[in-house]
Amino acid sequence: GHVAFLGALVENHTRVYQADGKVVDVAVHGGFVEVSGTTVTILSDGAELASEIDVDRARRAKERAEEHLRSEHDAETEGALRRAHARLSAAGGLTGANTGH
């Protein structure tokens, strides 16, 4: 098992290893993670399965957010950029980038 803990999640790519051996890539958009024994529970504000992510749309959202942040920094746009990165990482759309795996 693991040491029990509770933590906050930020927008990021999460890889879920299911009991049946299946691996599912998910873009998680904030929330909490709890680890207890051999169980990990994620309570998220929002999540998207990699198989359901529109990579082209996520790339356009990333480009819009980056363009906006060149002239003005605000929390909403920074969140949009983090969500776009999470989507692209989960869906395999971050070519040439280190996705942390």
PDB file of N, CA and C in Angstrom:
ATOM      1  N   GLY A   1       0.821  -1.200   0.000  1.00  0.00           N
ATOM      2  CA  GLY A   1       0.000   0.000   0.000  1.00  0.00           C
ATOM      3  C   GLY A   1       0.857   1.252   0.000  1.00  0.00           C
ATOM      4  N   HIS A   2       0.205   2.365   0.064  1.00  0.00           N
ATOM      5  CA  HIS A   2       0.857   3.666   0.075  1.00  0.00           C
ATOM      6  C   HIS A   2       0.575   4.370   1.397  1.00  0.00           C
ATOM      7  N   VAL A   3       1.382   5.341   1.723  1.00  0.00           N
ATOM      8  CA  VAL A   3       1.128   6.191   2.873  1.00  0.00           C
ATOM      9  C   VAL A   3      -0.119   7.010   2.569  1.00  0.00           C
ATOM     10  N   ALA A   4      -1.052   7.049   3.503  1.00  0.00           N
ATOM     11  CA  ALA A   4      -2.301   7.784   3.288  1.00  0.00           C
ATOM     12  C   ALA A   4      -2.020   9.279   3.193  1.00  0.00           C
ATOM     13  N   PHE A   5      -2.665   9.919   2.227  1.00  0.00           N
ATOM     14  CA  PHE A   5      -2.575  11.374   2.144  1.00  0.00           C
ATOM     15  C   PHE A   5      -3.741  11.925   1.346  1.00  0.00           C
ATOM     16  N   LEU A   6      -3.959  13.219   1.500  1.00  0.00           N
ATOM     17  CA  LEU A   6      -4.971  13.961   0.762  1.00  0.00           C
ATOM     18  C   LEU A   6      -4.265  15.164   0.168  1.00  0.00           C
ATOM     19  N   GLY A   7      -4.477  15.427  -1.115  1.00  0.00           N
ATOM     20  CA  GLY A   7      -3.800  16.545  -1.762  1.00  0.00           C
ATOM     21  C   GLY A   7      -4.685  17.242  -2.769  1.00  0.00           C
ATOM     22  N   ALA A   8      -4.298  18.453  -3.104  1.00  0.00           N
ATOM     23  CA  ALA A   8      -5.017  19.238  -4.115  1.00  0.00           C
ATOM     24  C   ALA A   8      -4.436  18.930  -5.487  1.00  0.00           C
ATOM     25  N   LEU A   9      -5.300  18.934  -6.498  1.00  0.00           N
ATOM     26  CA  LEU A   9      -4.879  18.709  -7.876  1.00  0.00           C
ATOM     27  C   LEU A   9      -4.981  19.997  -8.674  1.00  0.00           C
ATOM     28  N   VAL A  10      -4.063  20.181  -9.589  1.00  0.00           N
ATOM     29  CA  VAL A  10      -4.146  21.266 -10.565  1.00  0.00           C
ATOM     30  C   VAL A  10      -4.443  20.631 -11.918  1.00  0.00           C
ATOM     31  N   GLU A  11      -4.673  21.441 -12.908  1.00  0.00           N
ATOM     32  CA  GLU A  11      -4.932  20.928 -14.250  1.00  0.00           C
ATOM     33  C   GLU A  11      -3.712  20.147 -14.720  1.00  0.00           C
ATOM     34  N   ASN A  12      -3.941  18.886 -15.103  1.00  0.00           N
ATOM     35  CA  ASN A  12      -2.816  18.082 -15.551  1.00  0.00           C
ATOM     36  C   ASN A  12      -3.302  16.791 -16.192  1.00  0.00           C
ATOM     37  N   HIS A  13      -2.382  16.101 -16.814  1.00  0.00           N
ATOM     38  CA  HIS A  13      -2.616  14.785 -17.411  1.00  0.00           C
ATOM     39  C   HIS A  13      -2.432  13.746 -16.316  1.00  0.00           C
ATOM     40  N   THR A  14      -3.410  12.870 -16.172  1.00  0.00           N
ATOM     41  CA  THR A  14      -3.345  11.802 -15.180  1.00  0.00           C
ATOM     42  C   THR A  14      -3.500  10.470 -15.890  1.00  0.00           C
ATOM     43  N   ARG A  15      -2.711   9.526 -15.506  1.00  0.00           N
ATOM     44  CA  ARG A  15      -2.803   8.175 -16.070  1.00  0.00           C
ATOM     45  C   ARG A  15      -3.413   7.283 -14.990  1.00  0.00           C
ATOM     46  N   VAL A  16      -4.538   6.646 -15.319  1.00  0.00           N
ATOM     47  CA  VAL A  16      -5.263   5.799 -14.376  1.00  0.00           C
ATOM     48  C   VAL A  16      -4.994   4.336 -14.726  1.00  0.00           C
ATOM     49  N   TYR A  17      -4.479   3.593 -13.754  1.00  0.00           N
ATOM     50  CA  TYR A  17      -4.229   2.164 -13.916  1.00  0.00           C
ATOM     51  C   TYR A  17      -5.370   1.426 -13.223  1.00  0.00           C
ATOM     52  N   GLN A  18      -6.249   0.825 -14.008  1.00  0.00           N
ATOM     53  CA  GLN A  18      -7.425   0.174 -13.458  1.00  0.00           C
ATOM     54  C   GLN A  18      -7.109  -1.244 -12.993  1.00  0.00           C
ATOM     55  N   ALA A  19      -7.969  -1.781 -12.126  1.00  0.00           N
ATOM     56  CA  ALA A  19      -7.764  -3.109 -11.551  1.00  0.00           C
ATOM     57  C   ALA A  19      -7.676  -4.197 -12.619  1.00  0.00           C
ATOM     58  N   ASP A  20      -8.348  -3.997 -13.758  1.00  0.00           N
ATOM     59  CA  ASP A  20      -8.323  -5.005 -14.827  1.00  0.00           C
ATOM     60  C   ASP A  20      -7.088  -4.902 -15.717  1.00  0.00           C
ATOM     61  N   GLY A  21      -6.162  -3.988 -15.363  1.00  0.00           N
ATOM     62  CA  GLY A  21      -4.937  -3.822 -16.130  1.00  0.00           C
ATOM     63  C   GLY A  21      -5.016  -2.765 -17.212  1.00  0.00           C
ATOM     64  N   LYS A  22      -6.196  -2.254 -17.471  1.00  0.00           N
ATOM     65  CA  LYS A  22      -6.375  -1.220 -18.491  1.00  0.00           C
ATOM     66  C   LYS A  22      -5.795   0.109 -17.992  1.00  0.00           C
ATOM     67  N   VAL A  23      -5.160   0.839 -18.901  1.00  0.00           N
ATOM     68  CA  VAL A  23      -4.599   2.156 -18.586  1.00  0.00           C
ATOM     69  C   VAL A  23      -5.409   3.203 -19.344  1.00  0.00           C
ATOM     70  N   VAL A  24      -5.880   4.213 -18.614  1.00  0.00           N
ATOM     71  CA  VAL A  24      -6.708   5.257 -19.204  1.00  0.00           C
ATOM     72  C   VAL A  24      -6.042   6.607 -18.958  1.00  0.00           C
ATOM     73  N   ASP A  25      -5.836   7.375 -20.022  1.00  0.00           N
ATOM     74  CA  ASP A  25      -5.286   8.723 -19.902  1.00  0.00           C
ATOM     75  C   ASP A  25      -6.437   9.710 -19.774  1.00  0.00           C
ATOM     76  N   VAL A  26      -6.293  10.632 -18.808  1.00  0.00           N
ATOM     77  CA  VAL A  26      -7.355  11.578 -18.489  1.00  0.00           C
ATOM     78  C   VAL A  26      -6.751  12.965 -18.297  1.00  0.00           C
ATOM     79  N   ALA A  27      -7.433  13.983 -18.800  1.00  0.00           N
ATOM     80  CA  ALA A  27      -7.088  15.369 -18.478  1.00  0.00           C
ATOM     81  C   ALA A  27      -7.938  15.743 -17.271  1.00  0.00           C
ATOM     82  N   VAL A  28      -7.284  16.034 -16.151  1.00  0.00           N
ATOM     83  CA  VAL A  28      -7.979  16.372 -14.911  1.00  0.00           C
ATOM     84  C   VAL A  28      -7.866  17.875 -14.701  1.00  0.00           C
ATOM     85  N   HIS A  29      -8.988  18.499 -14.363  1.00  0.00           N
ATOM     86  CA  HIS A  29      -9.033  19.958 -14.237  1.00  0.00           C
ATOM     87  C   HIS A  29      -9.312  20.381 -12.798  1.00  0.00           C
ATOM     88  N   GLY A  30      -8.332  20.139 -11.940  1.00  0.00           N
ATOM     89  CA  GLY A  30      -8.445  20.535 -10.545  1.00  0.00           C
ATOM     90  C   GLY A  30      -9.166  19.497  -9.713  1.00  0.00           C
ATOM     91  N   GLY A  31      -9.165  19.717  -8.403  1.00  0.00           N
ATOM     92  CA  GLY A  31      -9.855  18.825  -7.486  1.00  0.00           C
ATOM     93  C   GLY A  31      -8.931  18.317  -6.399  1.00  0.00           C
ATOM     94  N   PHE A  32      -9.214  17.093  -5.941  1.00  0.00           N
ATOM     95  CA  PHE A  32      -8.463  16.507  -4.837  1.00  0.00           C
ATOM     96  C   PHE A  32      -8.136  15.052  -5.140  1.00  0.00           C
ATOM     97  N   VAL A  33      -7.047  14.579  -4.539  1.00  0.00           N
ATOM     98  CA  VAL A  33      -6.672  13.171  -4.630  1.00  0.00           C
ATOM     99  C   VAL A  33      -6.509  12.652  -3.205  1.00  0.00           C
ATOM    100  N   GLU A  34      -7.018  11.447  -2.977  1.00  0.00           N
ATOM    101  CA  GLU A  34      -6.872  10.792  -1.681  1.00  0.00           C
ATOM    102  C   GLU A  34      -6.258   9.421  -1.914  1.00  0.00           C
ATOM    103  N   VAL A  35      -5.228   9.106  -1.148  1.00  0.00           N
ATOM    104  CA  VAL A  35      -4.593   7.797  -1.219  1.00  0.00           C
ATOM    105  C   VAL A  35      -4.769   7.130   0.134  1.00  0.00           C
ATOM    106  N   SER A  36      -5.266   5.897   0.112  1.00  0.00           N
ATOM    107  CA  SER A  36      -5.482   5.141   1.339  1.00  0.00           C
ATOM    108  C   SER A  36      -5.232   3.669   1.033  1.00  0.00           C
ATOM    109  N   GLY A  37      -4.165   3.123   1.583  1.00  0.00           N
ATOM    110  CA  GLY A  37      -3.833   1.727   1.312  1.00  0.00           C
ATOM    111  C   GLY A  37      -3.490   1.533  -0.150  1.00  0.00           C
ATOM    112  N   THR A  38      -4.290   0.727  -0.844  1.00  0.00           N
ATOM    113  CA  THR A  38      -4.057   0.476  -2.265  1.00  0.00           C
ATOM    114  C   THR A  38      -5.066   1.194  -3.149  1.00  0.00           C
ATOM    115  N   THR A  39      -5.843   2.101  -2.556  1.00  0.00           N
ATOM    116  CA  THR A  39      -6.887   2.809  -3.298  1.00  0.00           C
ATOM    117  C   THR A  39      -6.528   4.278  -3.477  1.00  0.00           C
ATOM    118  N   VAL A  40      -6.670   4.754  -4.711  1.00  0.00           N
ATOM    119  CA  VAL A  40      -6.488   6.173  -5.010  1.00  0.00           C
ATOM    120  C   VAL A  40      -7.831   6.695  -5.507  1.00  0.00           C
ATOM    121  N   THR A  41      -8.313   7.762  -4.880  1.00  0.00           N
ATOM    122  CA  THR A  41      -9.584   8.369  -5.267  1.00  0.00           C
ATOM    123  C   THR A  41      -9.322   9.782  -5.743  1.00  0.00           C
ATOM    124  N   ILE A  42      -9.846  10.116  -6.923  1.00  0.00           N
ATOM    125  CA  ILE A  42      -9.731  11.466  -7.464  1.00  0.00           C
ATOM    126  C   ILE A  42     -11.113  12.094  -7.490  1.00  0.00           C
ATOM    127  N   LEU A  43     -11.246  13.238  -6.841  1.00  0.00           N
ATOM    128  CA  LEU A  43     -12.465  14.040  -6.890  1.00  0.00           C
ATOM    129  C   LEU A  43     -12.099  15.288  -7.666  1.00  0.00           C
ATOM    130  N   SER A  44     -12.630  15.410  -8.868  1.00  0.00           N
ATOM    131  CA  SER A  44     -12.202  16.490  -9.751  1.00  0.00           C
ATOM    132  C   SER A  44     -13.334  17.438 -10.097  1.00  0.00           C
ATOM    133  N   ASP A  45     -12.959  18.694 -10.299  1.00  0.00           N
ATOM    134  CA  ASP A  45     -13.903  19.701 -10.779  1.00  0.00           C
ATOM    135  C   ASP A  45     -14.339  19.382 -12.203  1.00  0.00           C
ATOM    136  N   GLY A  46     -13.497  18.691 -12.937  1.00  0.00           N
ATOM    137  CA  GLY A  46     -13.794  18.306 -14.313  1.00  0.00           C
ATOM    138  C   GLY A  46     -12.704  17.401 -14.824  1.00  0.00           C
ATOM    139  N   ALA A  47     -13.066  16.477 -15.694  1.00  0.00           N
ATOM    140  CA  ALA A  47     -12.085  15.565 -16.271  1.00  0.00           C
ATOM    141  C   ALA A  47     -12.570  15.127 -17.645  1.00  0.00           C
ATOM    142  N   GLU A  48     -11.605  14.828 -18.525  1.00  0.00           N
ATOM    143  CA  GLU A  48     -11.928  14.386 -19.880  1.00  0.00           C
ATOM    144  C   GLU A  48     -11.067  13.184 -20.232  1.00  0.00           C
ATOM    145  N   LEU A  49     -11.711  12.146 -20.741  1.00  0.00           N
ATOM    146  CA  LEU A  49     -10.965  10.993 -21.229  1.00  0.00           C
ATOM    147  C   LEU A  49     -10.189  11.398 -22.472  1.00  0.00           C
ATOM    148  N   ALA A  50      -8.961  10.912 -22.588  1.00  0.00           N
ATOM    149  CA  ALA A  50      -8.128  11.253 -23.746  1.00  0.00           C
ATOM    150  C   ALA A  50      -8.834  10.922 -25.049  1.00  0.00           C
ATOM    151  N   SER A  51      -9.565   9.819 -25.060  1.00  0.00           N
ATOM    152  CA  SER A  51     -10.247   9.382 -26.282  1.00  0.00           C
ATOM    153  C   SER A  51     -11.353  10.339 -26.717  1.00  0.00           C
ATOM    154  N   GLU A  52     -11.782  11.228 -25.821  1.00  0.00           N
ATOM    155  CA  GLU A  52     -12.862  12.166 -26.136  1.00  0.00           C
ATOM    156  C   GLU A  52     -12.373  13.594 -26.391  1.00  0.00           C
ATOM    157  N   ILE A  53     -11.059  13.801 -26.337  1.00  0.00           N
ATOM    158  CA  ILE A  53     -10.499  15.145 -26.495  1.00  0.00           C
ATOM    159  C   ILE A  53     -10.284  15.457 -27.968  1.00  0.00           C
ATOM    160  N   ASP A  54     -10.752  16.615 -28.385  1.00  0.00           N
ATOM    161  CA  ASP A  54     -10.534  17.119 -29.743  1.00  0.00           C
ATOM    162  C   ASP A  54      -9.182  17.840 -29.735  1.00  0.00           C
ATOM    163  N   VAL A  55      -8.148  17.172 -30.243  1.00  0.00           N
ATOM    164  CA  VAL A  55      -6.782  17.700 -30.184  1.00  0.00           C
ATOM    165  C   VAL A  55      -6.664  19.026 -30.930  1.00  0.00           C
ATOM    166  N   ASP A  56      -7.271  19.151 -32.096  1.00  0.00           N
ATOM    167  CA  ASP A  56      -7.194  20.407 -32.850  1.00  0.00           C
ATOM    168  C   ASP A  56      -7.817  21.555 -32.064  1.00  0.00           C
ATOM    169  N   ARG A  57      -8.947  21.298 -31.442  1.00  0.00           N
ATOM    170  CA  ARG A  57      -9.609  22.333 -30.636  1.00  0.00           C
ATOM    171  C   ARG A  57      -8.735  22.723 -29.438  1.00  0.00           C
ATOM    172  N   ALA A  58      -8.115  21.732 -28.792  1.00  0.00           N
ATOM    173  CA  ALA A  58      -7.235  22.008 -27.658  1.00  0.00           C
ATOM    174  C   ALA A  58      -6.019  22.821 -28.098  1.00  0.00           C
ATOM    175  N   ARG A  59      -5.476  22.516 -29.272  1.00  0.00           N
ATOM    176  CA  ARG A  59      -4.336  23.298 -29.788  1.00  0.00           C
ATOM    177  C   ARG A  59      -4.737  24.750 -30.035  1.00  0.00           C
ATOM    178  N   ARG A  60      -5.929  24.942 -30.625  1.00  0.00           N
ATOM    179  CA  ARG A  60      -6.402  26.314 -30.870  1.00  0.00           C
ATOM    180  C   ARG A  60      -6.605  27.060 -29.553  1.00  0.00           C
ATOM    181  N   ALA A  61      -7.145  26.393 -28.547  1.00  0.00           N
ATOM    182  CA  ALA A  61      -7.347  27.022 -27.237  1.00  0.00           C
ATOM    183  C   ALA A  61      -6.007  27.398 -26.616  1.00  0.00           C
ATOM    184  N   LYS A  62      -5.017  26.519 -26.755  1.00  0.00           N
ATOM    185  CA  LYS A  62      -3.673  26.795 -26.239  1.00  0.00           C
ATOM    186  C   LYS A  62      -3.084  28.017 -26.932  1.00  0.00           C
ATOM    187  N   GLU A  63      -3.205  28.068 -28.252  1.00  0.00           N
ATOM    188  CA  GLU A  63      -2.665  29.204 -29.011  1.00  0.00           C
ATOM    189  C   GLU A  63      -3.354  30.510 -28.623  1.00  0.00           C
ATOM    190  N   ARG A  64      -4.683  30.482 -28.460  1.00  0.00           N
ATOM    191  CA  ARG A  64      -5.416  31.692 -28.051  1.00  0.00           C
ATOM    192  C   ARG A  64      -4.956  32.167 -26.680  1.00  0.00           C
ATOM    193  N   ALA A  65      -4.809  31.237 -25.749  1.00  0.00           N
ATOM    194  CA  ALA A  65      -4.390  31.600 -24.398  1.00  0.00           C
ATOM    195  C   ALA A  65      -2.972  32.163 -24.401  1.00  0.00           C
ATOM    196  N   GLU A  66      -2.067  31.525 -25.146  1.00  0.00           N
ATOM    197  CA  GLU A  66      -0.689  32.026 -25.214  1.00  0.00           C
ATOM    198  C   GLU A  66      -0.648  33.425 -25.817  1.00  0.00           C
ATOM    199  N   GLU A  67      -1.422  33.654 -26.857  1.00  0.00           N
ATOM    200  CA  GLU A  67      -1.467  34.974 -27.492  1.00  0.00           C
ATOM    201  C   GLU A  67      -1.983  36.026 -26.509  1.00  0.00           C
ATOM    202  N   HIS A  68      -3.040  35.696 -25.790  1.00  0.00           N
ATOM    203  CA  HIS A  68      -3.612  36.638 -24.819  1.00  0.00           C
ATOM    204  C   HIS A  68      -2.605  36.946 -23.706  1.00  0.00           C
ATOM    205  N   LEU A  69      -1.879  35.922 -23.258  1.00  0.00           N
ATOM    206  CA  LEU A  69      -0.929  36.108 -22.158  1.00  0.00           C
ATOM    207  C   LEU A  69       0.301  36.907 -22.568  1.00  0.00           C
ATOM    208  N   ARG A  70       0.531  37.068 -23.871  1.00  0.00           N
ATOM    209  CA  ARG A  70       1.653  37.908 -24.321  1.00  0.00           C
ATOM    210  C   ARG A  70       1.421  39.367 -23.948  1.00  0.00           C
ATOM    211  N   SER A  71       0.150  39.767 -23.882  1.00  0.00           N
ATOM    212  CA  SER A  71      -0.152  41.172 -23.603  1.00  0.00           C
ATOM    213  C   SER A  71      -0.745  41.393 -22.215  1.00  0.00           C
ATOM    214  N   GLU A  72      -1.377  40.378 -21.657  1.00  0.00           N
ATOM    215  CA  GLU A  72      -2.046  40.568 -20.368  1.00  0.00           C
ATOM    216  C   GLU A  72      -2.128  39.237 -19.628  1.00  0.00           C
ATOM    217  N   HIS A  73      -1.694  39.244 -18.373  1.00  0.00           N
ATOM    218  CA  HIS A  73      -1.777  38.032 -17.561  1.00  0.00           C
ATOM    219  C   HIS A  73      -2.988  38.116 -16.649  1.00  0.00           C
ATOM    220  N   ASP A  74      -3.818  37.088 -16.704  1.00  0.00           N
ATOM    221  CA  ASP A  74      -4.938  37.002 -15.773  1.00  0.00           C
ATOM    222  C   ASP A  74      -5.171  35.536 -15.432  1.00  0.00           C
ATOM    223  N   ALA A  75      -5.749  35.302 -14.280  1.00  0.00           N
ATOM    224  CA  ALA A  75      -5.925  33.940 -13.769  1.00  0.00           C
ATOM    225  C   ALA A  75      -6.795  33.086 -14.685  1.00  0.00           C
ATOM    226  N   GLU A  76      -7.821  33.663 -15.278  1.00  0.00           N
ATOM    227  CA  GLU A  76      -8.719  32.904 -16.144  1.00  0.00           C
ATOM    228  C   GLU A  76      -7.983  32.365 -17.370  1.00  0.00           C
ATOM    229  N   THR A  77      -7.173  33.212 -17.999  1.00  0.00           N
ATOM    230  CA  THR A  77      -6.437  32.784 -19.189  1.00  0.00           C
ATOM    231  C   THR A  77      -5.340  31.794 -18.824  1.00  0.00           C
ATOM    232  N   GLU A  78      -4.682  32.007 -17.683  1.00  0.00           N
ATOM    233  CA  GLU A  78      -3.666  31.056 -17.242  1.00  0.00           C
ATOM    234  C   GLU A  78      -4.292  29.686 -16.981  1.00  0.00           C
ATOM    235  N   GLY A  79      -5.507  29.666 -16.416  1.00  0.00           N
ATOM    236  CA  GLY A  79      -6.229  28.409 -16.217  1.00  0.00           C
ATOM    237  C   GLY A  79      -6.582  27.749 -17.535  1.00  0.00           C
ATOM    238  N   ALA A  80      -7.004  28.556 -18.513  1.00  0.00           N
ATOM    239  CA  ALA A  80      -7.334  28.023 -19.839  1.00  0.00           C
ATOM    240  C   ALA A  80      -6.106  27.385 -20.479  1.00  0.00           C
ATOM    241  N   LEU A  81      -4.944  28.007 -20.301  1.00  0.00           N
ATOM    242  CA  LEU A  81      -3.708  27.456 -20.855  1.00  0.00           C
ATOM    243  C   LEU A  81      -3.355  26.133 -20.170  1.00  0.00           C
ATOM    244  N   ARG A  82      -3.494  26.073 -18.844  1.00  0.00           N
ATOM    245  CA  ARG A  82      -3.214  24.823 -18.125  1.00  0.00           C
ATOM    246  C   ARG A  82      -4.171  23.711 -18.557  1.00  0.00           C
ATOM    247  N   ARG A  83      -5.455  24.042 -18.755  1.00  0.00           N
ATOM    248  CA  ARG A  83      -6.423  23.039 -19.207  1.00  0.00           C
ATOM    249  C   ARG A  83      -6.074  22.535 -20.606  1.00  0.00           C
ATOM    250  N   ALA A  84      -5.674  23.453 -21.493  1.00  0.00           N
ATOM    251  CA  ALA A  84      -5.291  23.053 -22.850  1.00  0.00           C
ATOM    252  C   ALA A  84      -4.076  22.134 -22.816  1.00  0.00           C
ATOM    253  N   HIS A  85      -3.092  22.466 -21.983  1.00  0.00           N
ATOM    254  CA  HIS A  85      -1.905  21.611 -21.847  1.00  0.00           C
ATOM    255  C   HIS A  85      -2.291  20.231 -21.326  1.00  0.00           C
ATOM    256  N   ALA A  86      -3.177  20.184 -20.339  1.00  0.00           N
ATOM    257  CA  ALA A  86      -3.617  18.900 -19.783  1.00  0.00           C
ATOM    258  C   ALA A  86      -4.302  18.064 -20.856  1.00  0.00           C
ATOM    259  N   ARG A  87      -5.170  18.705 -21.640  1.00  0.00           N
ATOM    260  CA  ARG A  87      -5.871  17.987 -22.716  1.00  0.00           C
ATOM    261  C   ARG A  87      -4.882  17.438 -23.741  1.00  0.00           C
ATOM    262  N   LEU A  88      -3.960  18.287 -24.165  1.00  0.00           N
ATOM    263  CA  LEU A  88      -2.996  17.869 -25.187  1.00  0.00           C
ATOM    264  C   LEU A  88      -2.076  16.767 -24.672  1.00  0.00           C
ATOM    265  N   SER A  89      -1.656  16.877 -23.434  1.00  0.00           N
ATOM    266  CA  SER A  89      -0.797  15.850 -22.857  1.00  0.00           C
ATOM    267  C   SER A  89      -1.536  14.516 -22.759  1.00  0.00           C
ATOM    268  N   ALA A  90      -2.769  14.544 -22.281  1.00  0.00           N
ATOM    269  CA  ALA A  90      -3.554  13.311 -22.136  1.00  0.00           C
ATOM    270  C   ALA A  90      -3.826  12.661 -23.484  1.00  0.00           C
ATOM    271  N   ALA A  91      -4.095  13.481 -24.496  1.00  0.00           N
ATOM    272  CA  ALA A  91      -4.456  12.963 -25.819  1.00  0.00           C
ATOM    273  C   ALA A  91      -3.247  12.704 -26.708  1.00  0.00           C
ATOM    274  N   GLY A  92      -2.042  12.965 -26.193  1.00  0.00           N
ATOM    275  CA  GLY A  92      -0.842  12.730 -26.987  1.00  0.00           C
ATOM    276  C   GLY A  92      -0.586  13.806 -28.016  1.00  0.00           C
ATOM    277  N   GLY A  93      -1.159  14.989 -27.809  1.00  0.00           N
ATOM    278  CA  GLY A  93      -1.035  16.067 -28.785  1.00  0.00           C
ATOM    279  C   GLY A  93       0.068  17.061 -28.505  1.00  0.00           C
ATOM    280  N   LEU A  94       0.932  16.785 -27.530  1.00  0.00           N
ATOM    281  CA  LEU A  94       2.053  17.685 -27.232  1.00  0.00           C
ATOM    282  C   LEU A  94       3.311  17.119 -27.871  1.00  0.00           C
ATOM    283  N   THR A  95       3.424  17.257 -29.167  1.00  0.00           N
ATOM    284  CA  THR A  95       4.585  16.727 -29.880  1.00  0.00           C
ATOM    285  C   THR A  95       5.835  17.494 -29.501  1.00  0.00           C
ATOM    286  N   GLY A  96       6.892  16.740 -29.242  1.00  0.00           N
ATOM    287  CA  GLY A  96       8.175  17.353 -28.928  1.00  0.00           C
ATOM    288  C   GLY A  96       8.254  17.953 -27.546  1.00  0.00           C
ATOM    289  N   ALA A  97       7.250  17.703 -26.705  1.00  0.00           N
ATOM    290  CA  ALA A  97       7.259  18.265 -25.355  1.00  0.00           C
ATOM    291  C   ALA A  97       7.448  17.149 -24.342  1.00  0.00           C
ATOM    292  N   ASN A  98       8.035  17.482 -23.221  1.00  0.00           N
ATOM    293  CA  ASN A  98       8.173  16.541 -22.124  1.00  0.00           C
ATOM    294  C   ASN A  98       6.865  16.544 -21.357  1.00  0.00           C
ATOM    295  N   THR A  99       6.169  15.413 -21.342  1.00  0.00           N
ATOM    296  CA  THR A  99       4.873  15.342 -20.673  1.00  0.00           C
ATOM    297  C   THR A  99       4.974  14.788 -19.266  1.00  0.00           C
ATOM    298  N   GLY A 100       6.188  14.548 -18.800  1.00  0.00           N
ATOM    299  CA  GLY A 100       6.360  14.113 -17.429  1.00  0.00           C
ATOM    300  C   GLY A 100       6.226  12.615 -17.211  1.00  0.00           C
ATOM    301  N   HIS A 101       6.244  11.825 -18.285  1.00  0.00           N
ATOM    302  CA  HIS A 101       6.114  10.371 -18.130  1.00  0.00           C
ATOM    303  C   HIS A 101       7.445   9.713 -18.377  1.00  0.00           C
TER     304      HIS A 101
END
